[in-house]
C-alpha atoms as a PDB file:
ATOM      1  CA  MET A   1     218.579-125.321 -68.015  1.00  0.00           C
ATOM      2  CA  ASP A   2     219.174-121.624 -67.265  1.00  0.00           C
ATOM      3  CA  THR A   3     216.434-119.008 -67.511  1.00  0.00           C
ATOM      4  CA  LEU A   4     217.567-117.530 -70.837  1.00  0.00           C
ATOM      5  CA  LYS A   5     217.383-120.957 -72.474  1.00  0.00           C
ATOM      6  CA  LYS A   6     213.889-121.418 -71.065  1.00  0.00           C
ATOM      7  CA  ILE A   7     212.790-118.058 -72.493  1.00  0.00           C
ATOM      8  CA  GLU A   8     214.220-118.978 -75.904  1.00  0.00           C
ATOM      9  CA  LEU A   9     212.453-122.354 -75.763  1.00  0.00           C
ATOM     10  CA  GLY A  10     209.150-120.647 -74.860  1.00  0.00           C
ATOM     11  CA  ILE A  11     209.413-118.194 -77.766  1.00  0.00           C
ATOM     12  CA  LEU A  12     210.118-121.026 -80.206  1.00  0.00           C
ATOM     13  CA  ALA A  13     207.144-122.949 -78.798  1.00  0.00           C
ATOM     14  CA  VAL A  14     204.793-119.952 -79.291  1.00  0.00           C
ATOM     15  CA  LEU A  15     205.997-119.429 -82.859  1.00  0.00           C
ATOM     16  CA  GLY A  16     205.541-123.126 -83.554  1.00  0.00           C
ATOM     17  CA  ILE A  17     201.993-123.120 -82.131  1.00  0.00           C
ATOM     18  CA  ILE A  18     201.076-120.028 -84.183  1.00  0.00           C
ATOM     19  CA  LEU A  19     202.341-121.598 -87.427  1.00  0.00           C
ATOM     20  CA  ILE A  20     200.587-124.909 -86.745  1.00  0.00           C
ATOM     21  CA  GLU A  21     197.262-123.145 -86.102  1.00  0.00           C
ATOM     22  CA  THR A  22     197.831-121.012 -89.222  1.00  0.00           C
ATOM     23  CA  PHE A  23     198.061-124.090 -91.439  1.00  0.00           C
ATOM     24  CA  ILE A  24     195.074-125.716 -89.671  1.00  0.00           C
ATOM     25  CA  LEU A  25     192.916-122.639 -90.370  1.00  0.00           C
ATOM     26  CA  MET A  26     194.104-122.502 -93.978  1.00  0.00           C
ATOM     27  CA  SER A  27     193.060-126.120 -94.371  1.00  0.00           C
ATOM     28  CA  PHE A  28     189.669-126.042 -92.607  1.00  0.00           C
ATOM     29  CA  GLU A  29     188.525-122.474 -93.313  1.00  0.00           C
ATOM     30  CA  GLY A  30     189.994-122.013 -96.779  1.00  0.00           C
ATOM     31  CA  TRP A  31     191.807-118.801 -95.827  1.00  0.00           C
ATOM     32  CA  ASN A  32     195.084-117.671 -97.368  1.00  0.00           C
ATOM     33  CA  PHE A  33     198.285-117.655 -95.295  1.00  0.00           C
ATOM     34  CA  PHE A  34     198.053-114.012 -94.194  1.00  0.00           C
ATOM     35  CA  GLU A  35     194.421-114.277 -93.087  1.00  0.00           C
ATOM     36  CA  ALA A  36     195.082-117.458 -91.112  1.00  0.00           C
ATOM     37  CA  PHE A  37     198.303-116.095 -89.573  1.00  0.00           C
ATOM     38  CA  TYR A  38     196.555-112.830 -88.652  1.00  0.00           C
ATOM     39  CA  MET A  39     193.741-114.788 -86.949  1.00  0.00           C
ATOM     40  CA  ALA A  40     196.265-116.919 -85.010  1.00  0.00           C
ATOM     41  CA  VAL A  41     198.233-113.885 -83.780  1.00  0.00           C
ATOM     42  CA  VAL A  42     195.108-111.922 -82.789  1.00  0.00           C
ATOM     43  CA  THR A  43     193.733-114.923 -80.906  1.00  0.00           C
ATOM     44  CA  ILE A  44     196.911-115.737 -78.938  1.00  0.00           C
ATOM     45  CA  SER A  45     197.291-112.055 -77.990  1.00  0.00           C
ATOM     46  CA  THR A  46     193.705-112.147 -76.591  1.00  0.00           C
ATOM     47  CA  VAL A  47     192.817-109.011 -78.597  1.00  0.00           C
ATOM     48  CA  GLY A  48     189.985-110.595 -80.587  1.00  0.00           C
ATOM     49  CA  TYR A  49     188.905-107.993 -83.162  1.00  0.00           C
ATOM     50  CA  GLY A  50     186.184-110.293 -84.513  1.00  0.00           C
ATOM     51  CA  ASP A  51     186.829-109.498 -88.177  1.00  0.00           C
ATOM     52  CA  TYR A  52     187.870-113.115 -88.804  1.00  0.00           C
ATOM     53  CA  THR A  53     186.077-116.033 -87.106  1.00  0.00           C
ATOM     54  CA  PRO A  54     186.147-119.711 -87.952  1.00  0.00           C
ATOM     55  CA  LYS A  55     182.920-121.050 -89.496  1.00  0.00           C
ATOM     56  CA  THR A  56     183.579-124.794 -89.565  1.00  0.00           C
ATOM     57  CA  PHE A  57     183.328-127.186 -86.610  1.00  0.00           C
ATOM     58  CA  LEU A  58     186.955-128.362 -86.930  1.00  0.00           C
ATOM     59  CA  GLY A  59     188.179-124.784 -87.232  1.00  0.00           C
ATOM     60  CA  ARG A  60     186.413-123.770 -84.029  1.00  0.00           C
ATOM     61  CA  LEU A  61     187.612-126.946 -82.240  1.00  0.00           C
ATOM     62  CA  SER A  62     191.202-126.194 -83.231  1.00  0.00           C
ATOM     63  CA  ILE A  63     190.842-122.670 -81.802  1.00  0.00           C
ATOM     64  CA  ILE A  64     189.798-124.108 -78.418  1.00  0.00           C
ATOM     65  CA  PHE A  65     192.928-126.267 -78.149  1.00  0.00           C
ATOM     66  CA  TYR A  66     195.026-123.444 -79.627  1.00  0.00           C
ATOM     67  CA  ILE A  67     193.913-120.976 -76.926  1.00  0.00           C
ATOM     68  CA  PHE A  68     194.858-123.357 -74.090  1.00  0.00           C
ATOM     69  CA  ALA A  69     198.222-124.216 -75.661  1.00  0.00           C
ATOM     70  CA  GLY A  70     199.017-120.638 -76.659  1.00  0.00           C
ATOM     71  CA  VAL A  71     198.085-119.043 -73.338  1.00  0.00           C
ATOM     72  CA  GLY A  72     200.112-121.681 -71.501  1.00  0.00           C
ATOM     73  CA  ALA A  73     203.183-121.055 -73.686  1.00  0.00           C
ATOM     74  CA  VAL A  74     202.890-117.263 -73.304  1.00  0.00           C
ATOM     75  CA  ALA A  75     202.503-117.605 -69.525  1.00  0.00           C
ATOM     76  CA  TYR A  76     205.607-119.818 -69.502  1.00  0.00           C
ATOM     77  CA  ILE A  77     207.598-117.089 -71.302  1.00  0.00           C
ATOM     78  CA  PHE A  78     206.493-114.255 -69.033  1.00  0.00           C
ATOM     79  CA  GLY A  79     207.047-116.394 -65.943  1.00  0.00           C
ATOM     80  CA  ASN A  80     210.643-116.992 -66.953  1.00  0.00           C
ATOM     81  CA  ILE A  81     211.156-113.331 -67.877  1.00  0.00           C
ATOM     82  CA  ALA A  82     210.021-112.373 -64.374  1.00  0.00           C
ATOM     83  CA  ASN A  83     212.304-115.031 -62.931  1.00  0.00           C
ATOM     84  CA  PHE A  84     215.143-113.648 -65.039  1.00  0.00           C
ATOM     85  CA  PHE A  85     214.944-110.266 -63.331  1.00  0.00           C
ATOM     86  CA  ILE A  86     214.021-111.560 -59.876  1.00  0.00           C
ATOM     87  CA  GLU A  87     217.045-113.877 -59.700  1.00  0.00           C
ATOM     88  CA  GLY A  88     219.341-111.099 -60.811  1.00  0.00           C
ATOM     89  CA  GLN A  89     220.451-112.753 -64.028  1.00  0.00           C
ATOM     90  CA  PHE A  90     220.373-109.410 -65.806  1.00  0.00           C
ATOM     91  CA  LYS A  91     222.914-108.241 -63.255  1.00  0.00           C
ATOM     92  CA  GLU A  92     224.924-111.421 -63.856  1.00  0.00           C
ATOM     93  CA  ILE A  93     225.058-110.804 -67.609  1.00  0.00           C
ATOM     94  CA  PHE A  94     226.218-107.232 -67.005  1.00  0.00           C
ATOM     95  CA  ARG A  95     228.907-108.514 -64.626  1.00  0.00           C
ATOM     96  CA  ARG A  96     230.107-111.069 -67.186  1.00  0.00           C
ATOM     97  CA  LYS A  97     230.306-108.394 -69.867  1.00  0.00           C
ATOM     98  CA  LYS A  98     232.277-106.132 -67.549  1.00  0.00           C
ATOM     99  CA  MET A  99     234.597-109.022 -66.630  1.00  0.00           C
ATOM    100  CA  HIS A 100     235.084-109.820 -70.315  1.00  0.00           C
ATOM    101  CA  ASN A 101     236.154-106.225 -71.004  1.00  0.00           C
ATOM    102  CA  LYS A 102     238.617-106.338 -68.097  1.00  0.00           C
ATOM    103  CA  LEU A 103     240.116-109.570 -69.439  1.00  0.00           C
ATOM    104  CA  LYS A 104     240.554-108.067 -72.907  1.00  0.00           C
ATOM    105  CA  SER A 105     242.431-105.085 -71.456  1.00  0.00           C
ATOM    106  CA  LEU A 106     244.890-107.215 -69.441  1.00  0.00           C
ATOM    107  CA  LYS A 107     248.475-107.283 -70.680  1.00  0.00           C
ATOM    108  CA  ASP A 108     251.788-108.335 -69.125  1.00  0.00           C
ATOM    109  CA  HIS A 109     249.823-109.990 -66.333  1.00  0.00           C
ATOM    110  CA  PHE A 110     249.981-113.224 -64.350  1.00  0.00           C
ATOM    111  CA  ILE A 111     247.487-116.079 -64.522  1.00  0.00           C
ATOM    112  CA  ILE A 112     246.845-117.815 -61.186  1.00  0.00           C
ATOM    113  CA  CYS A 113     245.454-121.307 -61.782  1.00  0.00           C
ATOM    114  CA  GLY A 114     243.764-122.495 -58.590  1.00  0.00           C
ATOM    115  CA  PHE A 115     242.301-120.224 -55.941  1.00  0.00           C
ATOM    116  CA  GLY A 116     242.728-122.232 -52.773  1.00  0.00           C
ATOM    117  CA  LYS A 117     244.684-121.005 -49.763  1.00  0.00           C
ATOM    118  CA  LEU A 118     247.949-120.820 -51.682  1.00  0.00           C
ATOM    119  CA  GLY A 119     246.356-119.146 -54.719  1.00  0.00           C
ATOM    120  CA  ARG A 120     244.685-116.522 -52.532  1.00  0.00           C
ATOM    121  CA  PHE A 121     247.986-115.803 -50.779  1.00  0.00           C
ATOM    122  CA  VAL A 122     249.735-115.316 -54.151  1.00  0.00           C
ATOM    123  CA  ALA A 123     246.901-113.030 -55.298  1.00  0.00           C
ATOM    124  CA  LYS A 124     247.197-110.924 -52.140  1.00  0.00           C
ATOM    125  CA  LYS A 125     250.939-110.469 -52.638  1.00  0.00           C
ATOM    126  CA  PHE A 126     250.426-109.557 -56.302  1.00  0.00           C
ATOM    127  CA  ARG A 127     247.755-107.048 -55.288  1.00  0.00           C
ATOM    128  CA  ASP A 128     250.105-105.498 -52.690  1.00  0.00           C
ATOM    129  CA  ALA A 129     252.867-105.255 -55.306  1.00  0.00           C
ATOM    130  CA  GLY A 130     250.546-103.743 -57.938  1.00  0.00           C
ATOM    131  CA  VAL A 131     250.980-106.703 -60.289  1.00  0.00           C
ATOM    132  CA  PRO A 132     247.974-107.351 -62.593  1.00  0.00           C
ATOM    133  CA  PHE A 133     246.583-110.893 -62.492  1.00  0.00           C
ATOM    134  CA  VAL A 134     243.593-113.043 -63.383  1.00  0.00           C
ATOM    135  CA  VAL A 135     242.375-116.031 -61.378  1.00  0.00           C
ATOM    136  CA  VAL A 136     241.194-119.305 -62.935  1.00  0.00           C
ATOM    137  CA  ASP A 137     239.253-121.776 -60.796  1.00  0.00           C
ATOM    138  CA  SER A 138     236.536-124.361 -61.464  1.00  0.00           C
ATOM    139  CA  ASP A 139     234.661-123.774 -58.187  1.00  0.00           C
ATOM    140  CA  GLU A 140     232.117-121.121 -59.175  1.00  0.00           C
ATOM    141  CA  GLU A 141     230.510-120.787 -55.747  1.00  0.00           C
ATOM    142  CA  LYS A 142     233.841-120.263 -53.975  1.00  0.00           C
ATOM    143  CA  ILE A 143     235.170-117.720 -56.433  1.00  0.00           C
ATOM    144  CA  LYS A 144     231.908-115.734 -56.506  1.00  0.00           C
ATOM    145  CA  GLU A 145     231.870-115.635 -52.709  1.00  0.00           C
ATOM    146  CA  ILE A 146     235.364-114.138 -52.747  1.00  0.00           C
ATOM    147  CA  PHE A 147     234.350-111.731 -55.536  1.00  0.00           C
ATOM    148  CA  GLU A 148     231.539-110.354 -53.366  1.00  0.00           C
ATOM    149  CA  LYS A 149     234.226-109.231 -50.895  1.00  0.00           C
ATOM    150  CA  ASP A 150     236.722-108.095 -53.533  1.00  0.00           C
ATOM    151  CA  GLN A 151     235.005-106.417 -56.504  1.00  0.00           C
ATOM    152  CA  LYS A 152     238.368-105.698 -58.167  1.00  0.00           C
ATOM    153  CA  LEU A 153     239.105-109.398 -58.608  1.00  0.00           C
ATOM    154  CA  ILE A 154     239.368-110.497 -62.248  1.00  0.00           C
ATOM    155  CA  TYR A 155     238.502-114.163 -62.619  1.00  0.00           C
ATOM    156  CA  ILE A 156     237.378-116.935 -64.961  1.00  0.00           C
ATOM    157  CA  VAL A 157     235.314-119.899 -63.841  1.00  0.00           C
ATOM    158  CA  GLY A 158     236.607-122.954 -65.682  1.00  0.00           C
ATOM    159  CA  ASP A 159     239.094-125.793 -65.927  1.00  0.00           C
ATOM    160  CA  ALA A 160     242.640-124.422 -66.170  1.00  0.00           C
ATOM    161  CA  THR A 161     243.756-127.547 -68.061  1.00  0.00           C
ATOM    162  CA  SER A 162     241.606-126.384 -71.010  1.00  0.00           C
ATOM    163  CA  ASP A 163     243.384-124.452 -73.772  1.00  0.00           C
ATOM    164  CA  ASP A 164     240.242-122.385 -74.365  1.00  0.00           C
ATOM    165  CA  ILE A 165     240.192-121.210 -70.737  1.00  0.00           C
ATOM    166  CA  LEU A 166     243.896-120.281 -70.820  1.00  0.00           C
ATOM    167  CA  LEU A 167     243.381-118.371 -74.069  1.00  0.00           C
ATOM    168  CA  LYS A 168     240.407-116.598 -72.525  1.00  0.00           C
ATOM    169  CA  ALA A 169     242.692-115.624 -69.622  1.00  0.00           C
ATOM    170  CA  GLY A 170     244.974-113.886 -72.156  1.00  0.00           C
ATOM    171  CA  ILE A 171     247.870-116.333 -72.005  1.00  0.00           C
ATOM    172  CA  LYS A 172     249.259-114.974 -75.290  1.00  0.00           C
ATOM    173  CA  ARG A 173     249.643-111.540 -73.655  1.00  0.00           C
ATOM    174  CA  ALA A 174     250.563-112.784 -70.173  1.00  0.00           C
ATOM    175  CA  ARG A 175     253.853-112.296 -68.387  1.00  0.00           C
ATOM    176  CA  GLY A 176     253.662-115.452 -66.302  1.00  0.00           C
ATOM    177  CA  LEU A 177     251.523-118.268 -64.948  1.00  0.00           C
ATOM    178  CA  ILE A 178     251.261-119.663 -61.421  1.00  0.00           C
ATOM    179  CA  SER A 179     249.795-123.175 -61.248  1.00  0.00           C
ATOM    180  CA  VAL A 180     248.649-124.085 -57.735  1.00  0.00           C
ATOM    181  CA  VAL A 181     245.655-126.358 -58.368  1.00  0.00           C
ATOM    182  CA  GLY A 182     244.768-129.299 -56.161  1.00  0.00           C
ATOM    183  CA  ASN A 183     246.856-132.150 -57.567  1.00  0.00           C
ATOM    184  CA  ASP A 184     250.209-132.640 -59.254  1.00  0.00           C
ATOM    185  CA  ALA A 185     248.814-134.255 -62.425  1.00  0.00           C
ATOM    186  CA  GLU A 186     246.757-131.142 -63.223  1.00  0.00           C
ATOM    187  CA  ASN A 187     249.717-128.856 -62.476  1.00  0.00           C
ATOM    188  CA  VAL A 188     251.880-130.839 -64.914  1.00  0.00           C
ATOM    189  CA  PHE A 189     249.135-130.746 -67.572  1.00  0.00           C
ATOM    190  CA  ILE A 190     248.589-126.989 -67.122  1.00  0.00           C
ATOM    191  CA  THR A 191     252.334-126.400 -67.402  1.00  0.00           C
ATOM    192  CA  LEU A 192     252.524-128.396 -70.662  1.00  0.00           C
ATOM    193  CA  SER A 193     249.556-126.522 -72.158  1.00  0.00           C
ATOM    194  CA  ALA A 194     250.801-123.104 -71.040  1.00  0.00           C
ATOM    195  CA  ARG A 195     254.301-123.663 -72.402  1.00  0.00           C
ATOM    196  CA  ARG A 196     252.885-124.745 -75.766  1.00  0.00           C
ATOM    197  CA  LEU A 197     250.512-121.772 -75.995  1.00  0.00           C
ATOM    198  CA  ASN A 198     253.159-119.215 -74.994  1.00  0.00           C
ATOM    199  CA  PRO A 199     256.811-120.350 -75.226  1.00  0.00           C
ATOM    200  CA  ASN A 200     258.021-117.110 -73.584  1.00  0.00           C
ATOM    201  CA  LEU A 201     255.773-117.406 -70.526  1.00  0.00           C
ATOM    202  CA  TYR A 202     257.392-117.561 -67.079  1.00  0.00           C
ATOM    203  CA  ILE A 203     255.815-120.532 -65.281  1.00  0.00           C
ATOM    204  CA  VAL A 204     255.945-121.475 -61.602  1.00  0.00           C
ATOM    205  CA  ALA A 205     254.071-124.573 -60.435  1.00  0.00           C
ATOM    206  CA  LYS A 206     253.285-126.214 -57.130  1.00  0.00           C
ATOM    207  CA  ALA A 207     254.323-129.810 -56.378  1.00  0.00           C
ATOM    208  CA  GLU A 208     252.503-131.627 -53.591  1.00  0.00           C
ATOM    209  CA  ASN A 209     255.022-134.451 -53.933  1.00  0.00           C
ATOM    210  CA  GLU A 210     258.734-133.595 -54.173  1.00  0.00           C
ATOM    211  CA  ASN A 211     259.103-136.262 -56.875  1.00  0.00           C
ATOM    212  CA  THR A 212     256.843-134.179 -59.123  1.00  0.00           C
ATOM    213  CA  ILE A 213     259.283-131.247 -59.197  1.00  0.00           C
ATOM    214  CA  ASP A 214     261.423-132.892 -61.881  1.00  0.00           C
ATOM    215  CA  LYS A 215     258.332-133.676 -63.978  1.00  0.00           C
ATOM    216  CA  LEU A 216     257.160-130.062 -63.775  1.00  0.00           C
ATOM    217  CA  LEU A 217     260.556-128.765 -64.865  1.00  0.00           C
ATOM    218  CA  LYS A 218     260.613-131.203 -67.789  1.00  0.00           C
ATOM    219  CA  ALA A 219     257.066-130.125 -68.705  1.00  0.00           C
ATOM    220  CA  GLY A 220     258.330-126.556 -69.112  1.00  0.00           C
ATOM    221  CA  ALA A 221     258.063-124.903 -65.705  1.00  0.00           C
ATOM    222  CA  ASP A 222     260.743-122.307 -64.934  1.00  0.00           C
ATOM    223  CA  GLY A 223     260.342-123.070 -61.256  1.00  0.00           C
ATOM    224  CA  ALA A 224     258.651-125.784 -59.203  1.00  0.00           C
ATOM    225  CA  ILE A 225     257.910-125.344 -55.519  1.00  0.00           C
ATOM    226  CA  SER A 226     257.012-127.881 -52.849  1.00  0.00           C
ATOM    227  CA  PRO A 227     255.125-125.904 -50.150  1.00  0.00           C
ATOM    228  CA  TYR A 228     255.897-128.543 -47.535  1.00  0.00           C
ATOM    229  CA  ALA A 229     259.630-128.499 -48.287  1.00  0.00           C
ATOM    230  CA  ILE A 230     259.753-124.693 -48.299  1.00  0.00           C
ATOM    231  CA  GLY A 231     257.639-124.495 -45.154  1.00  0.00           C
ATOM    232  CA  GLY A 232     259.842-127.031 -43.373  1.00  0.00           C
ATOM    233  CA  LEU A 233     262.986-125.157 -44.401  1.00  0.00           C
ATOM    234  CA  ARG A 234     261.597-121.858 -43.096  1.00  0.00           C
ATOM    235  CA  ILE A 235     260.688-123.479 -39.778  1.00  0.00           C
ATOM    236  CA  VAL A 236     264.234-124.834 -39.401  1.00  0.00           C
ATOM    237  CA  GLU A 237     265.739-121.457 -40.364  1.00  0.00           C
ATOM    238  CA  MET A 238     263.488-119.660 -37.920  1.00  0.00           C
ATOM    239  CA  ALA A 239     264.459-122.079 -35.169  1.00  0.00           C
ATOM    240  CA  LEU A 240     268.220-121.896 -35.838  1.00  0.00           C
ATOM    241  CA  LYS A 241     268.706-118.377 -37.227  1.00  0.00           C
ATOM    242  CA  PRO A 242     265.662-116.297 -36.329  1.00  0.00           C
ATOM    243  CA  GLU A 243     267.399-112.910 -36.486  1.00  0.00           C
ATOM    244  CA  ILE A 244     268.713-113.470 -40.042  1.00  0.00           C
ATOM    245  CA  LEU A 245     265.378-114.770 -41.299  1.00  0.00           C
ATOM    246  CA  ASP A 246     263.524-111.781 -39.827  1.00  0.00           C
ATOM    247  CA  PHE A 247     265.960-109.403 -41.493  1.00  0.00           C
ATOM    248  CA  VAL A 248     265.674-111.043 -44.934  1.00  0.00           C
ATOM    249  CA  SER A 249     261.865-111.330 -44.689  1.00  0.00           C
ATOM    250  CA  SER A 250     261.402-107.683 -43.724  1.00  0.00           C
ATOM    251  CA  LEU A 251     263.878-106.604 -46.402  1.00  0.00           C
ATOM    252  CA  MET A 252     262.043-108.492 -49.150  1.00  0.00           C
ATOM    253  CA  ASP A 253     258.574-107.375 -48.093  1.00  0.00           C
ATOM    254  CA  VAL A 254     256.836-105.887 -51.141  1.00  0.00           C
ATOM    255  CA  SER A 255     255.863-102.789 -49.189  1.00  0.00           C
ATOM    256  CA  HIS A 256     259.564-101.847 -48.902  1.00  0.00           C
ATOM    257  CA  ASP A 257     260.069-101.760 -52.700  1.00  0.00           C
ATOM    258  CA  ILE A 258     263.246-103.843 -52.432  1.00  0.00           C
ATOM    259  CA  GLU A 259     263.929-106.498 -55.065  1.00  0.00           C
ATOM    260  CA  ILE A 260     266.593-108.890 -56.290  1.00  0.00           C
ATOM    261  CA  GLY A 261     266.946-109.153 -60.054  1.00  0.00           C
ATOM    262  CA  ARG A 262     268.894-111.184 -62.603  1.00  0.00           C
ATOM    263  CA  TYR A 263     270.067-109.503 -65.798  1.00  0.00           C
ATOM    264  CA  VAL A 264     272.163-110.487 -68.801  1.00  0.00           C
ATOM    265  CA  VAL A 265     274.760-108.153 -70.315  1.00  0.00           C
ATOM    266  CA  GLY A 266     273.700-107.437 -73.903  1.00  0.00           C
ATOM    267  CA  ARG A 267     275.885-107.198 -76.983  1.00  0.00           C
ATOM    268  CA  ASN A 268     275.244-103.462 -77.360  1.00  0.00           C
ATOM    269  CA  SER A 269     275.826-102.598 -73.725  1.00  0.00           C
ATOM    270  CA  LYS A 270     278.515 -99.971 -73.081  1.00  0.00           C
ATOM    271  CA  VAL A 271     279.822-101.938 -70.081  1.00  0.00           C
ATOM    272  CA  VAL A 272     281.074-104.867 -72.200  1.00  0.00           C
ATOM    273  CA  GLY A 273     284.822-105.260 -71.716  1.00  0.00           C
ATOM    274  CA  LYS A 274     284.932-102.903 -68.731  1.00  0.00           C
ATOM    275  CA  THR A 275     285.667-103.793 -65.142  1.00  0.00           C
ATOM    276  CA  LEU A 276     282.964-103.423 -62.523  1.00  0.00           C
ATOM    277  CA  TYR A 277     284.790-100.322 -61.252  1.00  0.00           C
ATOM    278  CA  GLU A 278     285.054 -98.754 -64.719  1.00  0.00           C
ATOM    279  CA  SER A 279     281.358 -99.352 -65.466  1.00  0.00           C
ATOM    280  CA  GLN A 280     280.371 -97.178 -62.464  1.00  0.00           C
ATOM    281  CA  ILE A 281     277.157 -99.170 -62.114  1.00  0.00           C
ATOM    282  CA  ARG A 282     276.841 -98.372 -58.430  1.00  0.00           C
ATOM    283  CA  GLN A 283     277.234 -94.633 -59.001  1.00  0.00           C
ATOM    284  CA  LYS A 284     274.836 -94.519 -61.973  1.00  0.00           C
ATOM    285  CA  THR A 285     272.058 -96.738 -60.661  1.00  0.00           C
ATOM    286  CA  GLY A 286     272.424 -97.090 -56.894  1.00  0.00           C
ATOM    287  CA  ALA A 287     271.929-100.876 -57.228  1.00  0.00           C
ATOM    288  CA  THR A 288     274.208-103.287 -55.389  1.00  0.00           C
ATOM    289  CA  ILE A 289     275.811-106.105 -57.393  1.00  0.00           C
ATOM    290  CA  LEU A 290     275.523-109.361 -55.439  1.00  0.00           C
ATOM    291  CA  ALA A 291     277.132-111.762 -57.922  1.00  0.00           C
ATOM    292  CA  ILE A 292     278.433-112.050 -61.474  1.00  0.00           C
ATOM    293  CA  LYS A 293     278.279-115.316 -63.404  1.00  0.00           C
ATOM    294  CA  ARG A 294     280.625-115.767 -66.373  1.00  0.00           C
ATOM    295  CA  ALA A 295     280.524-119.144 -68.145  1.00  0.00           C
ATOM    296  CA  ASN A 296     280.976-121.597 -65.268  1.00  0.00           C
ATOM    297  CA  GLU A 297     282.474-119.034 -62.877  1.00  0.00           C
ATOM    298  CA  LEU A 298     280.386-117.435 -60.157  1.00  0.00           C
ATOM    299  CA  HIS A 299     281.810-114.359 -58.428  1.00  0.00           C
ATOM    300  CA  VAL A 300     279.895-113.652 -55.221  1.00  0.00           C
ATOM    301  CA  ASN A 301     280.390-110.127 -53.864  1.00  0.00           C
ATOM    302  CA  PRO A 302     282.586-109.440 -56.927  1.00  0.00           C
ATOM    303  CA  SER A 303     285.703-107.329 -56.674  1.00  0.00           C
ATOM    304  CA  PRO A 304     285.931-104.027 -58.635  1.00  0.00           C
ATOM    305  CA  ASP A 305     288.371-105.541 -61.172  1.00  0.00           C
ATOM    306  CA  VAL A 306     285.982-108.273 -62.436  1.00  0.00           C
ATOM    307  CA  VAL A 307     285.513-107.728 -66.191  1.00  0.00           C
ATOM    308  CA  LEU A 308     281.934-107.619 -67.520  1.00  0.00           C
ATOM    309  CA  GLU A 309     281.580-109.754 -70.637  1.00  0.00           C
ATOM    310  CA  GLU A 310     278.788-110.211 -73.154  1.00  0.00           C
ATOM    311  CA  GLU A 311     276.122-112.696 -71.993  1.00  0.00           C
ATOM    312  CA  CYS A 312     277.410-112.765 -68.413  1.00  0.00           C
ATOM    313  CA  GLU A 313     274.705-112.756 -65.757  1.00  0.00           C
ATOM    314  CA  ILE A 314     274.394-110.046 -63.126  1.00  0.00           C
ATOM    315  CA  TYR A 315     272.524-110.571 -59.864  1.00  0.00           C
ATOM    316  CA  ALA A 316     271.678-107.258 -58.207  1.00  0.00           C
ATOM    317  CA  PHE A 317     269.813-105.876 -55.229  1.00  0.00           C
ATOM    318  CA  GLY A 318     267.945-102.551 -54.977  1.00  0.00           C
ATOM    319  CA  THR A 319     264.700-100.685 -55.412  1.00  0.00           C
ATOM    320  CA  LYS A 320     262.550-101.151 -58.480  1.00  0.00           C
ATOM    321  CA  ASP A 321     263.743 -97.844 -59.978  1.00  0.00           C
ATOM    322  CA  GLN A 322     267.382 -98.692 -59.329  1.00  0.00           C
ATOM    323  CA  LEU A 323     267.032-102.087 -60.983  1.00  0.00           C
ATOM    324  CA  GLU A 324     265.237-100.550 -63.983  1.00  0.00           C
ATOM    325  CA  LYS A 325     268.213 -98.204 -64.518  1.00  0.00           C
ATOM    326  CA  LEU A 326     270.587-101.160 -64.164  1.00  0.00           C
ATOM    327  CA  LYS A 327     268.607-103.154 -66.726  1.00  0.00           C
ATOM    328  CA  GLU A 328     268.815-100.308 -69.265  1.00  0.00           C
ATOM    329  CA  ILE A 329     272.609-100.074 -68.843  1.00  0.00           C
ATOM    330  CA  LEU A 330     273.252-103.835 -68.995  1.00  0.00           C
ATOM    331  CA  GLU A 331     270.921-104.611 -71.906  1.00  0.00           C
ATOM    332  CA  GLY A 332     272.036-101.597 -73.897  1.00  0.00           C
END
């Protein structure tokens, strides 16, 4: 039982003792309710004005037991109040209130479910890229230890498989969710819950077992990653083509503000029906078109005469500002 609950219990106990003694005095001394209640309050506060004193034997005997019980209950309350401040629970309540306000202000953010090694790495990359996020993890001691080192961290202690926790994390307002908890079953369950709570959410989940990838995709994940498969692939690439891997890695580093984006040509876009050359996308935005996908055709490094059609997909490479300009042109 936490200290606040103990204080509440103590207060209820004192009130109960006062009322019991009030009715005892009414019965034995013949006083009305106010006189008996006044006597009980004055006695337990140790003020003792002396204007009301019990005359009967049973009334005086009840006062003896009442003093011991009342003083003990009051001491219990003040002991827990002192403990409340000594243990820093006032500070904890203030921190929770501050965290609650931060959570309410979050919008277009990511939810990271699981704050192990992989979750912390994702959080670091989001922080470097300036992407808002909230962390959900059930290990309170671990997450508080990390919070002591990073006061900007926004987190919730709880089970990410719970709908209430996901709602508290602002899943209705979130941009995406990263599920990297300890086991595949929980990742699948979190994915199912998240997709149901926010159908438009972008979800990426971790699969310890490669066989789980298909289950995660069926559960609603937009992407499923096996860290061991990805790690093994990077090791092979580094061993066979180290110079290419170094180039791509340095190019995609968040500090360089270089991104690859996928966009769909909208119905109202002015480029519909024009060739890539006629659209002058490169001149207007500075972005480089890597590929164009039309129906089942994929044009890699497309030629200038490829016609841009409604709903065709454009894969482009450039800075964040360049890609924002491209998005405005393509979506109309």
